[in-house]
PDB file of N, CA and C in Angstrom:
ATOM      1  N   UNK A   1      16.039  -2.444  32.554  1.00  0.00           N
ATOM      2  CA  UNK A   1      16.491  -3.897  32.179  1.00  0.00           C
ATOM      3  C   UNK A   1      17.798  -3.986  31.379  1.00  0.00           C
ATOM      4  N   UNK A   2      18.204  -3.201  30.779  1.00  0.00           N
ATOM      5  CA  UNK A   2      19.392  -3.042  30.145  1.00  0.00           C
ATOM      6  C   UNK A   2      20.797  -3.497  31.156  1.00  0.00           C
ATOM      7  N   UNK A   3      20.725  -2.595  32.272  1.00  0.00           N
ATOM      8  CA  UNK A   3      21.866  -2.489  33.094  1.00  0.00           C
ATOM      9  C   UNK A   3      21.481  -3.691  34.043  1.00  0.00           C
ATOM     10  N   UNK A   4      20.298  -4.453  34.589  1.00  0.00           N
ATOM     11  CA  UNK A   4      20.077  -5.714  35.040  1.00  0.00           C
ATOM     12  C   UNK A   4      20.955  -6.828  34.443  1.00  0.00           C
ATOM     13  N   UNK A   5      20.525  -6.727  32.978  1.00  0.00           N
ATOM     14  CA  UNK A   5      20.627  -7.759  32.153  1.00  0.00           C
ATOM     15  C   UNK A   5      22.071  -7.935  32.045  1.00  0.00           C
ATOM     16  N   UNK A   6      22.917  -7.021  31.787  1.00  0.00           N
ATOM     17  CA  UNK A   6      24.291  -6.809  31.654  1.00  0.00           C
ATOM     18  C   UNK A   6      25.216  -7.150  33.300  1.00  0.00           C
ATOM     19  N   UNK A   7      24.543  -6.962  34.196  1.00  0.00           N
ATOM     20  CA  UNK A   7      25.182  -6.964  35.349  1.00  0.00           C
ATOM     21  C   UNK A   7      25.279  -8.489  35.715  1.00  0.00           C
ATOM     22  N   UNK A   8      24.139  -9.247  35.563  1.00  0.00           N
ATOM     23  CA  UNK A   8      23.549 -10.541  35.891  1.00  0.00           C
ATOM     24  C   UNK A   8      24.455 -11.563  34.880  1.00  0.00           C
ATOM     25  N   UNK A   9      24.394 -11.186  33.479  1.00  0.00           N
ATOM     26  CA  UNK A   9      25.507 -11.852  32.717  1.00  0.00           C
ATOM     27  C   UNK A   9      26.920 -12.011  33.221  1.00  0.00           C
ATOM     28  N   UNK A  10      27.326 -10.664  33.518  1.00  0.00           N
ATOM     29  CA  UNK A  10      28.610 -10.485  33.948  1.00  0.00           C
ATOM     30  C   UNK A  10      28.828 -11.254  35.424  1.00  0.00           C
ATOM     31  N   UNK A  11      27.890 -11.367  36.122  1.00  0.00           N
ATOM     32  CA  UNK A  11      27.926 -12.027  37.553  1.00  0.00           C
ATOM     33  C   UNK A  11      28.055 -13.356  37.309  1.00  0.00           C
ATOM     34  N   UNK A  12      27.639 -14.153  36.045  1.00  0.00           N
ATOM     35  CA  UNK A  12      27.775 -15.596  35.955  1.00  0.00           C
ATOM     36  C   UNK A  12      29.238 -15.950  35.486  1.00  0.00           C
ATOM     37  N   UNK A  13      30.142 -14.804  34.932  1.00  0.00           N
ATOM     38  CA  UNK A  13      31.211 -15.005  34.511  1.00  0.00           C
ATOM     39  C   UNK A  13      32.154 -14.585  35.888  1.00  0.00           C
ATOM     40  N   UNK A  14      31.633 -13.744  36.456  1.00  0.00           N
ATOM     41  CA  UNK A  14      32.559 -13.400  38.023  1.00  0.00           C
ATOM     42  C   UNK A  14      32.238 -14.668  38.982  1.00  0.00           C
ATOM     43  N   UNK A  15      31.243 -15.356  38.890  1.00  0.00           N
ATOM     44  CA  UNK A  15      31.088 -16.428  39.774  1.00  0.00           C
ATOM     45  C   UNK A  15      31.883 -17.431  39.315  1.00  0.00           C
ATOM     46  N   UNK A  16      32.095 -17.794  38.105  1.00  0.00           N
ATOM     47  CA  UNK A  16      32.963 -18.960  37.369  1.00  0.00           C
ATOM     48  C   UNK A  16      34.236 -18.587  37.839  1.00  0.00           C
ATOM     49  N   UNK A  17      34.846 -17.320  37.589  1.00  0.00           N
ATOM     50  CA  UNK A  17      36.168 -17.056  38.137  1.00  0.00           C
ATOM     51  C   UNK A  17      36.304 -17.263  39.937  1.00  0.00           C
ATOM     52  N   UNK A  18      35.338 -16.859  40.142  1.00  0.00           N
ATOM     53  CA  UNK A  18      35.337 -17.061  42.024  1.00  0.00           C
ATOM     54  C   UNK A  18      35.554 -18.870  42.032  1.00  0.00           C
ATOM     55  N   UNK A  19      34.644 -19.315  41.311  1.00  0.00           N
ATOM     56  CA  UNK A  19      34.318 -20.806  41.221  1.00  0.00           C
ATOM     57  C   UNK A  19      35.786 -21.510  41.215  1.00  0.00           C
ATOM     58  N   UNK A  20      36.606 -21.028  40.248  1.00  0.00           N
ATOM     59  CA  UNK A  20      38.093 -21.553  39.803  1.00  0.00           C
ATOM     60  C   UNK A  20      39.275 -21.175  40.624  1.00  0.00           C
ATOM     61  N   UNK A  21      38.839 -20.045  41.665  1.00  0.00           N
ATOM     62  CA  UNK A  21      40.036 -19.351  42.358  1.00  0.00           C
ATOM     63  C   UNK A  21      39.905 -19.734  44.047  1.00  0.00           C
ATOM     64  N   UNK A  22      38.802 -20.363  44.487  1.00  0.00           N
ATOM     65  CA  UNK A  22      38.547 -20.854  45.728  1.00  0.00           C
ATOM     66  C   UNK A  22      39.694 -21.663  46.195  1.00  0.00           C
ATOM     67  N   UNK A  23      40.095 -21.677  47.438  1.00  0.00           N
ATOM     68  CA  UNK A  23      41.080 -22.777  48.030  1.00  0.00           C
ATOM     69  C   UNK A  23      41.107 -22.475  49.360  1.00  0.00           C
ATOM     70  N   UNK A  24      41.389 -23.778  49.905  1.00  0.00           N
ATOM     71  CA  UNK A  24      41.596 -23.649  51.587  1.00  0.00           C
ATOM     72  C   UNK A  24      40.428 -24.222  52.058  1.00  0.00           C
ATOM     73  N   UNK A  25      40.589 -24.308  53.389  1.00  0.00           N
ATOM     74  CA  UNK A  25      39.251 -24.884  54.319  1.00  0.00           C
ATOM     75  C   UNK A  25      37.909 -24.264  54.066  1.00  0.00           C
ATOM     76  N   UNK A  26      36.980 -25.120  53.588  1.00  0.00           N
ATOM     77  CA  UNK A  26      35.440 -24.701  53.278  1.00  0.00           C
ATOM     78  C   UNK A  26      35.631 -24.547  51.417  1.00  0.00           C
ATOM     79  N   UNK A  27      36.560 -24.480  51.076  1.00  0.00           N
ATOM     80  CA  UNK A  27      36.449 -24.218  49.497  1.00  0.00           C
ATOM     81  C   UNK A  27      35.936 -25.043  48.649  1.00  0.00           C
ATOM     82  N   UNK A  28      35.631 -26.469  48.890  1.00  0.00           N
ATOM     83  CA  UNK A  28      34.692 -27.353  47.858  1.00  0.00           C
ATOM     84  C   UNK A  28      33.204 -26.829  48.327  1.00  0.00           C
ATOM     85  N   UNK A  29      32.707 -26.079  49.514  1.00  0.00           N
ATOM     86  CA  UNK A  29      31.408 -25.847  49.616  1.00  0.00           C
ATOM     87  C   UNK A  29      31.225 -24.684  48.915  1.00  0.00           C
ATOM     88  N   UNK A  30      32.305 -24.083  48.769  1.00  0.00           N
ATOM     89  CA  UNK A  30      32.170 -22.365  47.671  1.00  0.00           C
ATOM     90  C   UNK A  30      32.125 -22.679  46.346  1.00  0.00           C
ATOM     91  N   UNK A  31      33.058 -23.706  46.179  1.00  0.00           N
ATOM     92  CA  UNK A  31      33.234 -24.144  44.766  1.00  0.00           C
ATOM     93  C   UNK A  31      31.964 -24.813  44.135  1.00  0.00           C
ATOM     94  N   UNK A  32      31.396 -25.439  45.141  1.00  0.00           N
ATOM     95  CA  UNK A  32      29.840 -26.012  44.519  1.00  0.00           C
ATOM     96  C   UNK A  32      28.795 -25.101  44.322  1.00  0.00           C
ATOM     97  N   UNK A  33      28.993 -24.056  45.529  1.00  0.00           N
ATOM     98  CA  UNK A  33      27.697 -23.088  45.379  1.00  0.00           C
ATOM     99  C   UNK A  33      27.815 -22.373  44.276  1.00  0.00           C
ATOM    100  N   UNK A  34      29.125 -21.886  43.776  1.00  0.00           N
ATOM    101  CA  UNK A  34      29.353 -20.909  42.954  1.00  0.00           C
ATOM    102  C   UNK A  34      28.765 -21.613  41.391  1.00  0.00           C
ATOM    103  N   UNK A  35      29.283 -23.076  41.479  1.00  0.00           N
ATOM    104  CA  UNK A  35      28.844 -23.792  40.364  1.00  0.00           C
ATOM    105  C   UNK A  35      27.320 -23.576  39.927  1.00  0.00           C
ATOM    106  N   UNK A  36      26.583 -24.000  41.157  1.00  0.00           N
ATOM    107  CA  UNK A  36      25.189 -24.029  41.221  1.00  0.00           C
ATOM    108  C   UNK A  36      24.521 -22.682  40.946  1.00  0.00           C
ATOM    109  N   UNK A  37      25.101 -21.463  41.480  1.00  0.00           N
ATOM    110  CA  UNK A  37      24.663 -20.453  40.688  1.00  0.00           C
ATOM    111  C   UNK A  37      25.066 -20.276  39.120  1.00  0.00           C
ATOM    112  N   UNK A  38      26.352 -20.145  38.628  1.00  0.00           N
ATOM    113  CA  UNK A  38      26.815 -19.896  37.503  1.00  0.00           C
ATOM    114  C   UNK A  38      26.032 -20.854  36.438  1.00  0.00           C
ATOM    115  N   UNK A  39      25.514 -22.347  37.128  1.00  0.00           N
ATOM    116  CA  UNK A  39      24.949 -22.986  35.845  1.00  0.00           C
ATOM    117  C   UNK A  39      23.259 -22.694  35.823  1.00  0.00           C
ATOM    118  N   UNK A  40      23.008 -22.275  37.093  1.00  0.00           N
ATOM    119  CA  UNK A  40      21.436 -22.192  37.212  1.00  0.00           C
ATOM    120  C   UNK A  40      21.002 -20.832  36.664  1.00  0.00           C
ATOM    121  N   UNK A  41      21.899 -19.776  36.812  1.00  0.00           N
ATOM    122  CA  UNK A  41      21.455 -18.356  36.334  1.00  0.00           C
ATOM    123  C   UNK A  41      21.189 -18.151  34.912  1.00  0.00           C
ATOM    124  N   UNK A  42      22.069 -18.866  33.745  1.00  0.00           N
ATOM    125  CA  UNK A  42      21.768 -18.595  32.377  1.00  0.00           C
ATOM    126  C   UNK A  42      20.180 -19.089  32.074  1.00  0.00           C
ATOM    127  N   UNK A  43      19.622 -20.058  32.352  1.00  0.00           N
ATOM    128  CA  UNK A  43      18.264 -20.200  32.152  1.00  0.00           C
ATOM    129  C   UNK A  43      17.497 -19.143  32.530  1.00  0.00           C
ATOM    130  N   UNK A  44      17.702 -18.769  33.551  1.00  0.00           N
ATOM    131  CA  UNK A  44      16.698 -17.686  34.297  1.00  0.00           C
ATOM    132  C   UNK A  44      16.772 -16.454  33.539  1.00  0.00           C
ATOM    133  N   UNK A  45      17.959 -16.073  33.282  1.00  0.00           N
ATOM    134  CA  UNK A  45      18.389 -14.777  32.558  1.00  0.00           C
ATOM    135  C   UNK A  45      17.497 -14.574  31.498  1.00  0.00           C
ATOM    136  N   UNK A  46      17.804 -16.061  30.533  1.00  0.00           N
ATOM    137  CA  UNK A  46      17.485 -16.139  29.180  1.00  0.00           C
ATOM    138  C   UNK A  46      15.898 -16.095  29.027  1.00  0.00           C
ATOM    139  N   UNK A  47      14.985 -16.625  30.022  1.00  0.00           N
ATOM    140  CA  UNK A  47      13.892 -16.654  30.040  1.00  0.00           C
ATOM    141  C   UNK A  47      13.404 -15.056  30.280  1.00  0.00           C
ATOM    142  N   UNK A  48      13.846 -14.711  31.325  1.00  0.00           N
ATOM    143  CA  UNK A  48      13.516 -13.206  31.552  1.00  0.00           C
ATOM    144  C   UNK A  48      13.749 -12.251  30.499  1.00  0.00           C
ATOM    145  N   UNK A  49      14.743 -11.987  29.836  1.00  0.00           N
ATOM    146  CA  UNK A  49      15.507 -11.018  28.952  1.00  0.00           C
ATOM    147  C   UNK A  49      14.467 -11.490  27.368  1.00  0.00           C
ATOM    148  N   UNK A  50      14.253 -12.567  27.142  1.00  0.00           N
ATOM    149  CA  UNK A  50      13.393 -13.008  26.126  1.00  0.00           C
ATOM    150  C   UNK A  50      11.971 -12.563  26.110  1.00  0.00           C
ATOM    151  N   UNK A  51      11.222 -12.676  27.489  1.00  0.00           N
ATOM    152  CA  UNK A  51      10.110 -12.332  27.773  1.00  0.00           C
ATOM    153  C   UNK A  51       9.944 -10.592  27.674  1.00  0.00           C
ATOM    154  N   UNK A  52      10.924 -10.196  28.460  1.00  0.00           N
ATOM    155  CA  UNK A  52      10.752  -8.624  28.345  1.00  0.00           C
ATOM    156  C   UNK A  52      10.911  -8.124  26.958  1.00  0.00           C
ATOM    157  N   UNK A  53      11.709  -8.560  26.330  1.00  0.00           N
ATOM    158  CA  UNK A  53      12.138  -8.206  24.737  1.00  0.00           C
ATOM    159  C   UNK A  53      10.723  -8.444  23.654  1.00  0.00           C
ATOM    160  N   UNK A  54       9.990  -9.468  24.152  1.00  0.00           N
ATOM    161  CA  UNK A  54       8.873  -9.729  23.287  1.00  0.00           C
ATOM    162  C   UNK A  54       8.036  -8.801  23.961  1.00  0.00           C
ATOM    163  N   UNK A  55       7.857  -8.180  25.233  1.00  0.00           N
ATOM    164  CA  UNK A  55       7.013  -7.216  25.443  1.00  0.00           C
ATOM    165  C   UNK A  55       7.345  -5.673  25.001  1.00  0.00           C
ATOM    166  N   UNK A  56       8.590  -5.501  25.280  1.00  0.00           N
ATOM    167  CA  UNK A  56       9.111  -3.890  25.227  1.00  0.00           C
ATOM    168  C   UNK A  56      10.312  -3.674  23.846  1.00  0.00           C
ATOM    169  N   UNK A  57      10.514  -4.732  23.342  1.00  0.00           N
ATOM    170  CA  UNK A  57      11.817  -4.711  22.325  1.00  0.00           C
ATOM    171  C   UNK A  57      12.787  -5.161  22.667  1.00  0.00           C
ATOM    172  N   UNK A  58      13.669  -5.116  21.545  1.00  0.00           N
ATOM    173  CA  UNK A  58      15.105  -5.430  22.054  1.00  0.00           C
ATOM    174  C   UNK A  58      16.139  -4.656  22.947  1.00  0.00           C
ATOM    175  N   UNK A  59      16.469  -5.052  23.865  1.00  0.00           N
ATOM    176  CA  UNK A  59      17.657  -4.436  24.790  1.00  0.00           C
ATOM    177  C   UNK A  59      18.830  -3.991  24.234  1.00  0.00           C
ATOM    178  N   UNK A  60      19.711  -3.103  24.712  1.00  0.00           N
ATOM    179  CA  UNK A  60      21.021  -2.763  24.602  1.00  0.00           C
ATOM    180  C   UNK A  60      21.659  -2.833  25.791  1.00  0.00           C
ATOM    181  N   UNK A  61      22.657  -4.025  25.607  1.00  0.00           N
ATOM    182  CA  UNK A  61      23.632  -4.134  26.706  1.00  0.00           C
ATOM    183  C   UNK A  61      24.380  -3.079  27.252  1.00  0.00           C
ATOM    184  N   UNK A  62      24.756  -2.803  28.306  1.00  0.00           N
ATOM    185  CA  UNK A  62      25.695  -2.016  28.767  1.00  0.00           C
ATOM    186  C   UNK A  62      27.125  -2.480  29.291  1.00  0.00           C
ATOM    187  N   UNK A  63      28.054  -1.631  29.180  1.00  0.00           N
ATOM    188  CA  UNK A  63      29.581  -2.028  29.577  1.00  0.00           C
ATOM    189  C   UNK A  63      29.492  -2.427  31.353  1.00  0.00           C
ATOM    190  N   UNK A  64      30.371  -3.453  31.528  1.00  0.00           N
ATOM    191  CA  UNK A  64      30.362  -3.611  32.926  1.00  0.00           C
ATOM    192  C   UNK A  64      31.861  -3.884  33.100  1.00  0.00           C
ATOM    193  N   UNK A  65      32.115  -3.456  34.262  1.00  0.00           N
ATOM    194  CA  UNK A  65      33.623  -3.501  34.720  1.00  0.00           C
ATOM    195  C   UNK A  65      34.343  -4.872  34.822  1.00  0.00           C
ATOM    196  N   UNK A  66      35.545  -4.938  34.647  1.00  0.00           N
ATOM    197  CA  UNK A  66      36.192  -5.988  34.728  1.00  0.00           C
ATOM    198  C   UNK A  66      35.720  -7.199  35.955  1.00  0.00           C
ATOM    199  N   UNK A  67      36.731  -8.109  35.874  1.00  0.00           N
ATOM    200  CA  UNK A  67      36.427  -9.183  36.953  1.00  0.00           C
ATOM    201  C   UNK A  67      37.355  -9.144  37.934  1.00  0.00           C
ATOM    202  N   UNK A  68      36.543  -9.557  39.388  1.00  0.00           N
ATOM    203  CA  UNK A  68      37.408  -8.991  40.689  1.00  0.00           C
ATOM    204  C   UNK A  68      38.188 -10.653  40.675  1.00  0.00           C
ATOM    205  N   UNK A  69      39.310 -10.390  41.062  1.00  0.00           N
ATOM    206  CA  UNK A  69      40.199 -11.709  41.140  1.00  0.00           C
ATOM    207  C   UNK A  69      40.539 -12.106  42.522  1.00  0.00           C
ATOM    208  N   UNK A  70      39.957 -11.453  43.601  1.00  0.00           N
ATOM    209  CA  UNK A  70      39.916 -11.780  45.035  1.00  0.00           C
ATOM    210  C   UNK A  70      38.998 -12.775  45.416  1.00  0.00           C
ATOM    211  N   UNK A  71      39.043 -14.101  45.414  1.00  0.00           N
ATOM    212  CA  UNK A  71      38.212 -15.358  45.617  1.00  0.00           C
ATOM    213  C   UNK A  71      38.217 -15.817  46.829  1.00  0.00           C
ATOM    214  N   UNK A  72      38.467 -14.729  48.038  1.00  0.00           N
ATOM    215  CA  UNK A  72      38.163 -15.191  49.373  1.00  0.00           C
ATOM    216  C   UNK A  72      36.666 -15.084  49.810  1.00  0.00           C
ATOM    217  N   UNK A  73      36.477 -16.147  50.811  1.00  0.00           N
ATOM    218  CA  UNK A  73      35.299 -15.844  51.089  1.00  0.00           C
ATOM    219  C   UNK A  73      34.410 -14.719  51.303  1.00  0.00           C
ATOM    220  N   UNK A  74      35.157 -13.979  52.226  1.00  0.00           N
ATOM    221  CA  UNK A  74      34.298 -12.913  52.467  1.00  0.00           C
ATOM    222  C   UNK A  74      34.090 -11.870  51.205  1.00  0.00           C
ATOM    223  N   UNK A  75      35.094 -11.667  50.246  1.00  0.00           N
ATOM    224  CA  UNK A  75      34.685 -11.138  49.066  1.00  0.00           C
ATOM    225  C   UNK A  75      33.800 -11.790  48.274  1.00  0.00           C
ATOM    226  N   UNK A  76      33.581 -12.750  48.337  1.00  0.00           N
ATOM    227  CA  UNK A  76      32.427 -13.504  47.366  1.00  0.00           C
ATOM    228  C   UNK A  76      31.342 -13.255  48.023  1.00  0.00           C
ATOM    229  N   UNK A  77      31.113 -13.079  49.291  1.00  0.00           N
ATOM    230  CA  UNK A  77      29.872 -12.898  50.253  1.00  0.00           C
ATOM    231  C   UNK A  77      29.450 -11.681  49.706  1.00  0.00           C
ATOM    232  N   UNK A  78      30.440 -10.688  49.843  1.00  0.00           N
ATOM    233  CA  UNK A  78      30.251  -8.923  49.593  1.00  0.00           C
ATOM    234  C   UNK A  78      29.787  -8.842  48.316  1.00  0.00           C
ATOM    235  N   UNK A  79      30.424  -9.574  47.298  1.00  0.00           N
ATOM    236  CA  UNK A  79      29.629  -9.506  46.055  1.00  0.00           C
ATOM    237  C   UNK A  79      28.567  -9.571  45.843  1.00  0.00           C
ATOM    238  N   UNK A  80      28.015 -11.195  46.371  1.00  0.00           N
ATOM    239  CA  UNK A  80      26.572 -11.524  46.635  1.00  0.00           C
ATOM    240  C   UNK A  80      25.630 -10.411  47.099  1.00  0.00           C
ATOM    241  N   UNK A  81      26.105  -9.980  48.220  1.00  0.00           N
ATOM    242  CA  UNK A  81      25.460  -9.074  48.721  1.00  0.00           C
ATOM    243  C   UNK A  81      24.901  -7.793  47.905  1.00  0.00           C
ATOM    244  N   UNK A  82      25.980  -7.153  47.269  1.00  0.00           N
ATOM    245  CA  UNK A  82      26.005  -6.188  46.484  1.00  0.00           C
ATOM    246  C   UNK A  82      24.981  -6.650  45.130  1.00  0.00           C
ATOM    247  N   UNK A  83      24.870  -7.728  44.625  1.00  0.00           N
ATOM    248  CA  UNK A  83      24.091  -8.474  43.380  1.00  0.00           C
ATOM    249  C   UNK A  83      22.450  -8.330  44.080  1.00  0.00           C
ATOM    250  N   UNK A  84      22.447  -8.709  45.518  1.00  0.00           N
ATOM    251  CA  UNK A  84      20.986  -8.911  45.838  1.00  0.00           C
ATOM    252  C   UNK A  84      20.556  -7.568  45.944  1.00  0.00           C
ATOM    253  N   UNK A  85      21.257  -6.608  46.790  1.00  0.00           N
ATOM    254  CA  UNK A  85      20.810  -5.222  46.911  1.00  0.00           C
ATOM    255  C   UNK A  85      20.623  -4.330  45.471  1.00  0.00           C
ATOM    256  N   UNK A  86      21.443  -4.992  44.382  1.00  0.00           N
ATOM    257  CA  UNK A  86      21.266  -4.294  43.103  1.00  0.00           C
ATOM    258  C   UNK A  86      19.834  -4.864  42.408  1.00  0.00           C
ATOM    259  N   UNK A  87      19.566  -6.120  42.574  1.00  0.00           N
ATOM    260  CA  UNK A  87      18.327  -6.634  41.961  1.00  0.00           C
ATOM    261  C   UNK A  87      16.993  -5.927  42.822  1.00  0.00           C
ATOM    262  N   UNK A  88      17.056  -5.890  44.102  1.00  0.00           N
ATOM    263  CA  UNK A  88      16.018  -5.437  45.041  1.00  0.00           C
ATOM    264  C   UNK A  88      15.934  -3.843  44.422  1.00  0.00           C
ATOM    265  N   UNK A  89      16.995  -2.988  44.073  1.00  0.00           N
ATOM    266  CA  UNK A  89      16.812  -1.606  43.534  1.00  0.00           C
ATOM    267  C   UNK A  89      15.976  -1.419  42.262  1.00  0.00           C
ATOM    268  N   UNK A  90      16.728  -2.501  41.122  1.00  0.00           N
ATOM    269  CA  UNK A  90      16.319  -2.434  39.736  1.00  0.00           C
ATOM    270  C   UNK A  90      14.883  -3.079  39.779  1.00  0.00           C
ATOM    271  N   UNK A  91      14.483  -3.697  40.506  1.00  0.00           N
ATOM    272  CA  UNK A  91      12.862  -4.340  40.097  1.00  0.00           C
ATOM    273  C   UNK A  91      11.946  -3.287  40.565  1.00  0.00           C
ATOM    274  N   UNK A  92      12.385  -2.357  41.134  1.00  0.00           N
ATOM    275  CA  UNK A  92      11.142  -1.102  41.459  1.00  0.00           C
ATOM    276  C   UNK A  92      11.231  -0.416  40.135  1.00  0.00           C
ATOM    277  N   UNK A  93      11.923  -0.589  38.870  1.00  0.00           N
ATOM    278  CA  UNK A  93      11.373   0.370  37.661  1.00  0.00           C
ATOM    279  C   UNK A  93      10.288  -0.294  37.095  1.00  0.00           C
ATOM    280  N   UNK A  94       9.521   1.021  36.435  1.00  0.00           N
ATOM    281  CA  UNK A  94       7.940   0.727  36.179  1.00  0.00           C
ATOM    282  C   UNK A  94       7.911  -0.488  35.439  1.00  0.00           C
ATOM    283  N   UNK A  95       8.871  -0.567  34.201  1.00  0.00           N
ATOM    284  CA  UNK A  95       8.550  -1.569  33.545  1.00  0.00           C
ATOM    285  C   UNK A  95       8.672  -2.970  34.012  1.00  0.00           C
ATOM    286  N   UNK A  96       9.286  -3.055  35.229  1.00  0.00           N
ATOM    287  CA  UNK A  96       9.770  -4.500  35.756  1.00  0.00           C
ATOM    288  C   UNK A  96       8.551  -4.839  36.771  1.00  0.00           C
ATOM    289  N   UNK A  97       7.514  -3.944  36.990  1.00  0.00           N
ATOM    290  CA  UNK A  97       6.591  -4.166  37.885  1.00  0.00           C
ATOM    291  C   UNK A  97       5.601  -4.948  37.476  1.00  0.00           C
ATOM    292  N   UNK A  98       5.484  -5.705  36.063  1.00  0.00           N
ATOM    293  CA  UNK A  98       4.558  -6.509  35.618  1.00  0.00           C
ATOM    294  C   UNK A  98       4.619  -7.931  36.343  1.00  0.00           C
ATOM    295  N   UNK A  99       3.709  -8.304  36.667  1.00  0.00           N
ATOM    296  CA  UNK A  99       3.613  -9.539  37.645  1.00  0.00           C
ATOM    297  C   UNK A  99       4.350 -10.575  37.259  1.00  0.00           C
ATOM    298  N   UNK A 100       4.321 -11.025  35.761  1.00  0.00           N
ATOM    299  CA  UNK A 100       5.395 -12.044  35.344  1.00  0.00           C
ATOM    300  C   UNK A 100       6.741 -11.995  35.276  1.00  0.00           C
ATOM    301  N   UNK A 101       7.007 -10.645  35.327  1.00  0.00           N
ATOM    302  CA  UNK A 101       8.434 -10.151  35.238  1.00  0.00           C
ATOM    303  C   UNK A 101       8.872 -10.431  36.619  1.00  0.00           C
ATOM    304  N   UNK A 102       7.961  -9.878  37.694  1.00  0.00           N
ATOM    305  CA  UNK A 102       8.329  -9.889  39.184  1.00  0.00           C
ATOM    306  C   UNK A 102       8.460 -11.587  39.572  1.00  0.00           C
ATOM    307  N   UNK A 103       7.891 -12.136  38.854  1.00  0.00           N
ATOM    308  CA  UNK A 103       7.949 -13.820  39.136  1.00  0.00           C
ATOM    309  C   UNK A 103       9.213 -13.845  38.633  1.00  0.00           C
ATOM    310  N   UNK A 104       9.956 -13.432  37.658  1.00  0.00           N
ATOM    311  CA  UNK A 104      11.076 -14.293  36.731  1.00  0.00           C
ATOM    312  C   UNK A 104      12.085 -13.432  37.833  1.00  0.00           C
ATOM    313  N   UNK A 105      11.931 -12.296  38.169  1.00  0.00           N
ATOM    314  CA  UNK A 105      12.853 -11.692  39.005  1.00  0.00           C
ATOM    315  C   UNK A 105      13.008 -12.546  40.461  1.00  0.00           C
ATOM    316  N   UNK A 106      11.941 -12.903  41.156  1.00  0.00           N
ATOM    317  CA  UNK A 106      11.917 -13.778  42.285  1.00  0.00           C
ATOM    318  C   UNK A 106      12.588 -14.766  41.908  1.00  0.00           C
ATOM    319  N   UNK A 107      12.794 -15.668  40.930  1.00  0.00           N
ATOM    320  CA  UNK A 107      13.288 -16.874  40.761  1.00  0.00           C
ATOM    321  C   UNK A 107      15.025 -16.624  40.693  1.00  0.00           C
ATOM    322  N   UNK A 108      15.328 -15.402  40.242  1.00  0.00           N
ATOM    323  CA  UNK A 108      16.569 -14.705  40.369  1.00  0.00           C
ATOM    324  C   UNK A 108      16.951 -14.654  41.872  1.00  0.00           C
ATOM    325  N   UNK A 109      16.399 -13.810  42.562  1.00  0.00           N
ATOM    326  CA  UNK A 109      16.580 -13.618  43.767  1.00  0.00           C
ATOM    327  C   UNK A 109      16.440 -14.753  44.597  1.00  0.00           C
ATOM    328  N   UNK A 110      15.480 -15.882  44.673  1.00  0.00           N
ATOM    329  CA  UNK A 110      15.855 -17.175  45.083  1.00  0.00           C
ATOM    330  C   UNK A 110      17.193 -17.934  44.978  1.00  0.00           C
ATOM    331  N   UNK A 111      17.756 -17.845  43.848  1.00  0.00           N
ATOM    332  CA  UNK A 111      19.005 -18.265  43.449  1.00  0.00           C
ATOM    333  C   UNK A 111      20.089 -17.528  44.278  1.00  0.00           C
ATOM    334  N   UNK A 112      19.848 -15.993  44.263  1.00  0.00           N
ATOM    335  CA  UNK A 112      20.982 -15.296  44.901  1.00  0.00           C
ATOM    336  C   UNK A 112      20.943 -15.586  46.588  1.00  0.00           C
ATOM    337  N   UNK A 113      20.020 -15.917  47.015  1.00  0.00           N
ATOM    338  CA  UNK A 113      19.839 -16.319  48.391  1.00  0.00           C
ATOM    339  C   UNK A 113      20.122 -17.353  48.559  1.00  0.00           C
ATOM    340  N   UNK A 114      19.783 -18.285  48.008  1.00  0.00           N
ATOM    341  CA  UNK A 114      20.208 -19.709  48.052  1.00  0.00           C
ATOM    342  C   UNK A 114      21.574 -19.899  48.144  1.00  0.00           C
ATOM    343  N   UNK A 115      22.150 -19.197  47.494  1.00  0.00           N
ATOM    344  CA  UNK A 115      23.678 -19.222  47.028  1.00  0.00           C
ATOM    345  C   UNK A 115      24.427 -18.534  48.185  1.00  0.00           C
ATOM    346  N   UNK A 116      24.095 -17.373  48.621  1.00  0.00           N
ATOM    347  CA  UNK A 116      24.525 -16.715  49.943  1.00  0.00           C
ATOM    348  C   UNK A 116      24.510 -17.410  51.095  1.00  0.00           C
ATOM    349  N   UNK A 117      23.284 -18.347  51.223  1.00  0.00           N
ATOM    350  CA  UNK A 117      22.935 -19.279  52.322  1.00  0.00           C
ATOM    351  C   UNK A 117      24.257 -20.465  52.371  1.00  0.00           C
ATOM    352  N   UNK A 118      24.541 -20.770  51.088  1.00  0.00           N
ATOM    353  CA  UNK A 118      25.477 -21.937  51.151  1.00  0.00           C
ATOM    354  C   UNK A 118      27.212 -21.307  51.102  1.00  0.00           C
ATOM    355  N   UNK A 119      27.339 -20.174  50.914  1.00  0.00           N
ATOM    356  CA  UNK A 119      28.320 -19.532  51.068  1.00  0.00           C
ATOM    357  C   UNK A 119      28.604 -19.000  52.552  1.00  0.00           C
ATOM    358  N   UNK A 120      27.624 -18.498  53.019  1.00  0.00           N
ATOM    359  CA  UNK A 120      27.956 -18.030  54.401  1.00  0.00           C
ATOM    360  C   UNK A 120      28.064 -19.342  55.490  1.00  0.00           C
ATOM    361  N   UNK A 121      27.004 -20.390  54.997  1.00  0.00           N
ATOM    362  CA  UNK A 121      26.630 -21.412  56.119  1.00  0.00           C
ATOM    363  C   UNK A 121      27.091 -22.730  55.936  1.00  0.00           C
ATOM    364  N   UNK A 122      27.905 -22.815  54.809  1.00  0.00           N
ATOM    365  CA  UNK A 122      28.356 -24.148  54.431  1.00  0.00           C
ATOM    366  C   UNK A 122      29.655 -24.301  53.924  1.00  0.00           C
ATOM    367  N   UNK A 123      30.368 -23.015  53.792  1.00  0.00           N
ATOM    368  CA  UNK A 123      31.770 -22.736  53.053  1.00  0.00           C
ATOM    369  C   UNK A 123      32.778 -22.766  54.226  1.00  0.00           C
TER     370      UNK A 123
END
């Protein structure tokens, strides 16, 4: 959970940077899709982490590398593909297999896939 929480808090900041950096044709759709992601992610993470900590105790956040400044559509989509793959791998941890934790992770996956759809098809 520590790595998952750290990566997804970082993804909120990364998405916001992408949001302010997109330009050119299709950039409004990308701009809005990214805004939806970083706005909706925080309440999902907050609920997941607080519930997890209620069951297992406080987590220790991990260091995450810096911000990617390439706001091209291709790079943004590749970034979200990496987040999706990361989530699918992380959710296999034993402590995360509790059904209500999986439900919370499903909500994050739903947001990721919805964002990817908008980035690929509307941008």
